[in-house]
Amino acid sequence: MNAYETVIILDPATDDAGLETEIQKVSDLIKEHGGQTVNVERWGRRKLAYPLNKRHDGNYLCVQFNAPSAAPKAMDRIFRLNEKVMRHLIIKGHIATTTPPPVETAAAETTTPPSAKESE
């Protein structure tokens, strides 16, 4: 199973009940292909950088999930057929888990590695 993240921009005319329905459809699609939903974030209604189909706003969803490698291709097909989905993007990996933790610079500067002491 691979980690994936998808961002979906839905039609701004979609109400809260329709948004929940779309979230449920995505979760069911992931389960249908042998995956599991890790996290669903509703980013809300945001202004688009440029108009899409004469619309200037969109409802954003971010879904993190684990699934086999065949699932993103099937999801892509379903998203293209869904008229409520204006745009979508599926990437491999979760942003939160693939970003390395910040390195502590203060601790690294004060501690001299043992190999540097031996060479002096």
C-alpha atoms as a PDB file:
ATOM      1  CA  MET A   1       0.000   0.000   0.000  1.00  0.00           C
ATOM      2  CA  ASN A   2       1.217   3.449  -0.924  1.00  0.00           C
ATOM      3  CA  ALA A   3       0.427   6.774   0.702  1.00  0.00           C
ATOM      4  CA  TYR A   4      -1.436   9.291  -1.475  1.00  0.00           C
ATOM      5  CA  GLU A   5      -2.924  12.731  -1.108  1.00  0.00           C
ATOM      6  CA  THR A   6      -5.560  14.283  -3.326  1.00  0.00           C
ATOM      7  CA  VAL A   7      -6.868  17.835  -3.498  1.00  0.00           C
ATOM      8  CA  ILE A   8     -10.269  18.259  -5.099  1.00  0.00           C
ATOM      9  CA  ILE A   9     -11.911  21.527  -6.140  1.00  0.00           C
ATOM     10  CA  LEU A  10     -15.687  21.153  -6.172  1.00  0.00           C
ATOM     11  CA  ASP A  11     -18.344  23.337  -7.760  1.00  0.00           C
ATOM     12  CA  PRO A  12     -19.102  26.357  -5.517  1.00  0.00           C
ATOM     13  CA  ALA A  13     -22.848  25.667  -5.827  1.00  0.00           C
ATOM     14  CA  THR A  14     -22.346  22.496  -3.770  1.00  0.00           C
ATOM     15  CA  ASP A  15     -23.948  22.882  -0.319  1.00  0.00           C
ATOM     16  CA  ASP A  16     -22.782  21.206   2.913  1.00  0.00           C
ATOM     17  CA  ALA A  17     -24.936  18.115   2.343  1.00  0.00           C
ATOM     18  CA  GLY A  18     -23.516  17.757  -1.181  1.00  0.00           C
ATOM     19  CA  LEU A  19     -19.999  18.194   0.182  1.00  0.00           C
ATOM     20  CA  GLU A  20     -20.553  15.400   2.704  1.00  0.00           C
ATOM     21  CA  THR A  21     -21.914  13.214  -0.090  1.00  0.00           C
ATOM     22  CA  GLU A  22     -18.787  13.817  -2.176  1.00  0.00           C
ATOM     23  CA  ILE A  23     -16.536  13.037   0.800  1.00  0.00           C
ATOM     24  CA  GLN A  24     -18.458   9.802   1.336  1.00  0.00           C
ATOM     25  CA  LYS A  25     -18.126   8.917  -2.374  1.00  0.00           C
ATOM     26  CA  VAL A  26     -14.350   9.428  -2.256  1.00  0.00           C
ATOM     27  CA  SER A  27     -14.027   7.362   0.936  1.00  0.00           C
ATOM     28  CA  ASP A  28     -16.146   4.562  -0.541  1.00  0.00           C
ATOM     29  CA  LEU A  29     -14.087   4.620  -3.740  1.00  0.00           C
ATOM     30  CA  ILE A  30     -10.879   4.270  -1.738  1.00  0.00           C
ATOM     31  CA  LYS A  31     -12.320   1.359   0.293  1.00  0.00           C
ATOM     32  CA  GLU A  32     -13.611  -0.265  -2.896  1.00  0.00           C
ATOM     33  CA  HIS A  33     -10.060  -0.415  -4.251  1.00  0.00           C
ATOM     34  CA  GLY A  34      -8.637  -1.905  -1.048  1.00  0.00           C
ATOM     35  CA  GLY A  35      -7.415   1.295   0.599  1.00  0.00           C
ATOM     36  CA  GLN A  36      -8.182   3.274   3.705  1.00  0.00           C
ATOM     37  CA  THR A  37      -8.804   6.955   4.292  1.00  0.00           C
ATOM     38  CA  VAL A  38      -6.293   8.503   6.702  1.00  0.00           C
ATOM     39  CA  ASN A  39      -7.429  12.129   6.914  1.00  0.00           C
ATOM     40  CA  VAL A  40     -10.060  14.379   5.303  1.00  0.00           C
ATOM     41  CA  GLU A  41      -9.645  18.142   5.524  1.00  0.00           C
ATOM     42  CA  ARG A  42     -12.282  20.590   4.380  1.00  0.00           C
ATOM     43  CA  TRP A  43     -10.418  23.725   3.319  1.00  0.00           C
ATOM     44  CA  GLY A  44     -13.676  25.507   2.578  1.00  0.00           C
ATOM     45  CA  ARG A  45     -14.659  27.896  -0.167  1.00  0.00           C
ATOM     46  CA  ARG A  46     -11.747  29.788  -1.709  1.00  0.00           C
ATOM     47  CA  LYS A  47     -11.240  32.133  -4.600  1.00  0.00           C
ATOM     48  CA  LEU A  48      -9.575  30.586  -7.633  1.00  0.00           C
ATOM     49  CA  ALA A  49      -6.462  32.112  -9.206  1.00  0.00           C
ATOM     50  CA  TYR A  50      -8.260  32.218 -12.549  1.00  0.00           C
ATOM     51  CA  PRO A  51     -11.821  31.390 -13.667  1.00  0.00           C
ATOM     52  CA  LEU A  52     -12.685  27.742 -14.353  1.00  0.00           C
ATOM     53  CA  ASN A  53     -15.831  27.245 -16.410  1.00  0.00           C
ATOM     54  CA  LYS A  54     -16.901  30.821 -15.617  1.00  0.00           C
ATOM     55  CA  ARG A  55     -16.615  30.172 -11.865  1.00  0.00           C
ATOM     56  CA  HIS A  56     -14.396  32.251  -9.617  1.00  0.00           C
ATOM     57  CA  ASP A  57     -14.733  30.213  -6.366  1.00  0.00           C
ATOM     58  CA  GLY A  58     -14.473  26.565  -5.426  1.00  0.00           C
ATOM     59  CA  ASN A  59     -14.880  24.261  -2.431  1.00  0.00           C
ATOM     60  CA  TYR A  60     -11.547  22.619  -1.612  1.00  0.00           C
ATOM     61  CA  LEU A  61     -11.087  19.147  -0.101  1.00  0.00           C
ATOM     62  CA  CYS A  62      -7.833  17.453   0.845  1.00  0.00           C
ATOM     63  CA  VAL A  63      -7.936  13.677   1.345  1.00  0.00           C
ATOM     64  CA  GLN A  64      -4.991  11.616   2.558  1.00  0.00           C
ATOM     65  CA  PHE A  65      -5.257   7.878   2.034  1.00  0.00           C
ATOM     66  CA  ASN A  66      -3.343   4.623   1.737  1.00  0.00           C
ATOM     67  CA  ALA A  67      -4.178   2.445  -1.262  1.00  0.00           C
ATOM     68  CA  PRO A  68      -2.711   0.031  -3.812  1.00  0.00           C
ATOM     69  CA  SER A  69      -1.025   1.509  -6.859  1.00  0.00           C
ATOM     70  CA  ALA A  70      -4.057   0.920  -9.129  1.00  0.00           C
ATOM     71  CA  ALA A  71      -6.393   3.107  -7.039  1.00  0.00           C
ATOM     72  CA  PRO A  72      -5.226   6.576  -8.225  1.00  0.00           C
ATOM     73  CA  LYS A  73      -5.868   5.694 -11.869  1.00  0.00           C
ATOM     74  CA  ALA A  74      -9.412   4.557 -11.058  1.00  0.00           C
ATOM     75  CA  MET A  75     -10.012   7.639  -8.903  1.00  0.00           C
ATOM     76  CA  ASP A  76      -8.754   9.891 -11.691  1.00  0.00           C
ATOM     77  CA  ARG A  77     -11.289   8.356 -14.071  1.00  0.00           C
ATOM     78  CA  ILE A  78     -14.166   8.811 -11.612  1.00  0.00           C
ATOM     79  CA  PHE A  79     -13.173  12.423 -10.852  1.00  0.00           C
ATOM     80  CA  ARG A  80     -13.096  13.263 -14.568  1.00  0.00           C
ATOM     81  CA  LEU A  81     -16.626  11.893 -14.998  1.00  0.00           C
ATOM     82  CA  ASN A  82     -18.041  13.700 -11.943  1.00  0.00           C
ATOM     83  CA  GLU A  83     -19.514  17.052 -13.018  1.00  0.00           C
ATOM     84  CA  LYS A  84     -19.179  18.534  -9.516  1.00  0.00           C
ATOM     85  CA  VAL A  85     -15.375  18.142  -9.598  1.00  0.00           C
ATOM     86  CA  MET A  86     -13.820  21.163 -11.310  1.00  0.00           C
ATOM     87  CA  ARG A  87     -10.170  20.132 -10.789  1.00  0.00           C
ATOM     88  CA  HIS A  88      -8.290  17.445  -8.903  1.00  0.00           C
ATOM     89  CA  LEU A  89      -4.716  16.412  -8.231  1.00  0.00           C
ATOM     90  CA  ILE A  90      -3.456  13.115  -6.823  1.00  0.00           C
ATOM     91  CA  ILE A  91       0.114  12.901  -5.539  1.00  0.00           C
ATOM     92  CA  LYS A  92       2.049  10.041  -4.029  1.00  0.00           C
ATOM     93  CA  GLY A  93       2.956  10.504  -0.365  1.00  0.00           C
ATOM     94  CA  HIS A  94       1.534  12.523   2.487  1.00  0.00           C
ATOM     95  CA  ILE A  95       3.002  15.983   2.868  1.00  0.00           C
ATOM     96  CA  ALA A  96       3.103  15.685   6.663  1.00  0.00           C
ATOM     97  CA  THR A  97       4.959  12.342   6.672  1.00  0.00           C
ATOM     98  CA  THR A  98       7.389  12.944   3.809  1.00  0.00           C
ATOM     99  CA  THR A  99       8.708  16.310   5.015  1.00  0.00           C
ATOM    100  CA  PRO A 100      11.805  15.814   7.201  1.00  0.00           C
ATOM    101  CA  PRO A 101      11.662  17.291  10.690  1.00  0.00           C
ATOM    102  CA  PRO A 102      13.562  20.552  11.243  1.00  0.00           C
ATOM    103  CA  VAL A 103      17.158  20.164  12.376  1.00  0.00           C
ATOM    104  CA  GLU A 104      18.123  21.817  15.644  1.00  0.00           C
ATOM    105  CA  THR A 105      20.909  24.223  14.668  1.00  0.00           C
ATOM    106  CA  ALA A 106      21.891  25.257  18.203  1.00  0.00           C
ATOM    107  CA  ALA A 107      22.566  21.677  19.284  1.00  0.00           C
ATOM    108  CA  ALA A 108      24.452  20.898  16.077  1.00  0.00           C
ATOM    109  CA  GLU A 109      26.777  23.930  16.449  1.00  0.00           C
ATOM    110  CA  THR A 110      27.740  23.314  20.085  1.00  0.00           C
ATOM    111  CA  THR A 111      28.450  19.605  19.669  1.00  0.00           C
ATOM    112  CA  THR A 112      31.694  18.720  17.880  1.00  0.00           C
ATOM    113  CA  PRO A 113      31.614  15.358  16.138  1.00  0.00           C
ATOM    114  CA  PRO A 114      34.130  12.792  17.487  1.00  0.00           C
ATOM    115  CA  SER A 115      35.829  12.419  14.098  1.00  0.00           C
ATOM    116  CA  ALA A 116      36.779  16.147  14.097  1.00  0.00           C
ATOM    117  CA  LYS A 117      38.494  15.828  17.504  1.00  0.00           C
ATOM    118  CA  GLU A 118      40.566  12.856  16.347  1.00  0.00           C
ATOM    119  CA  SER A 119      41.881  14.657  13.239  1.00  0.00           C
ATOM    120  CA  GLU A 120      43.185  17.670  15.267  1.00  0.00           C
END
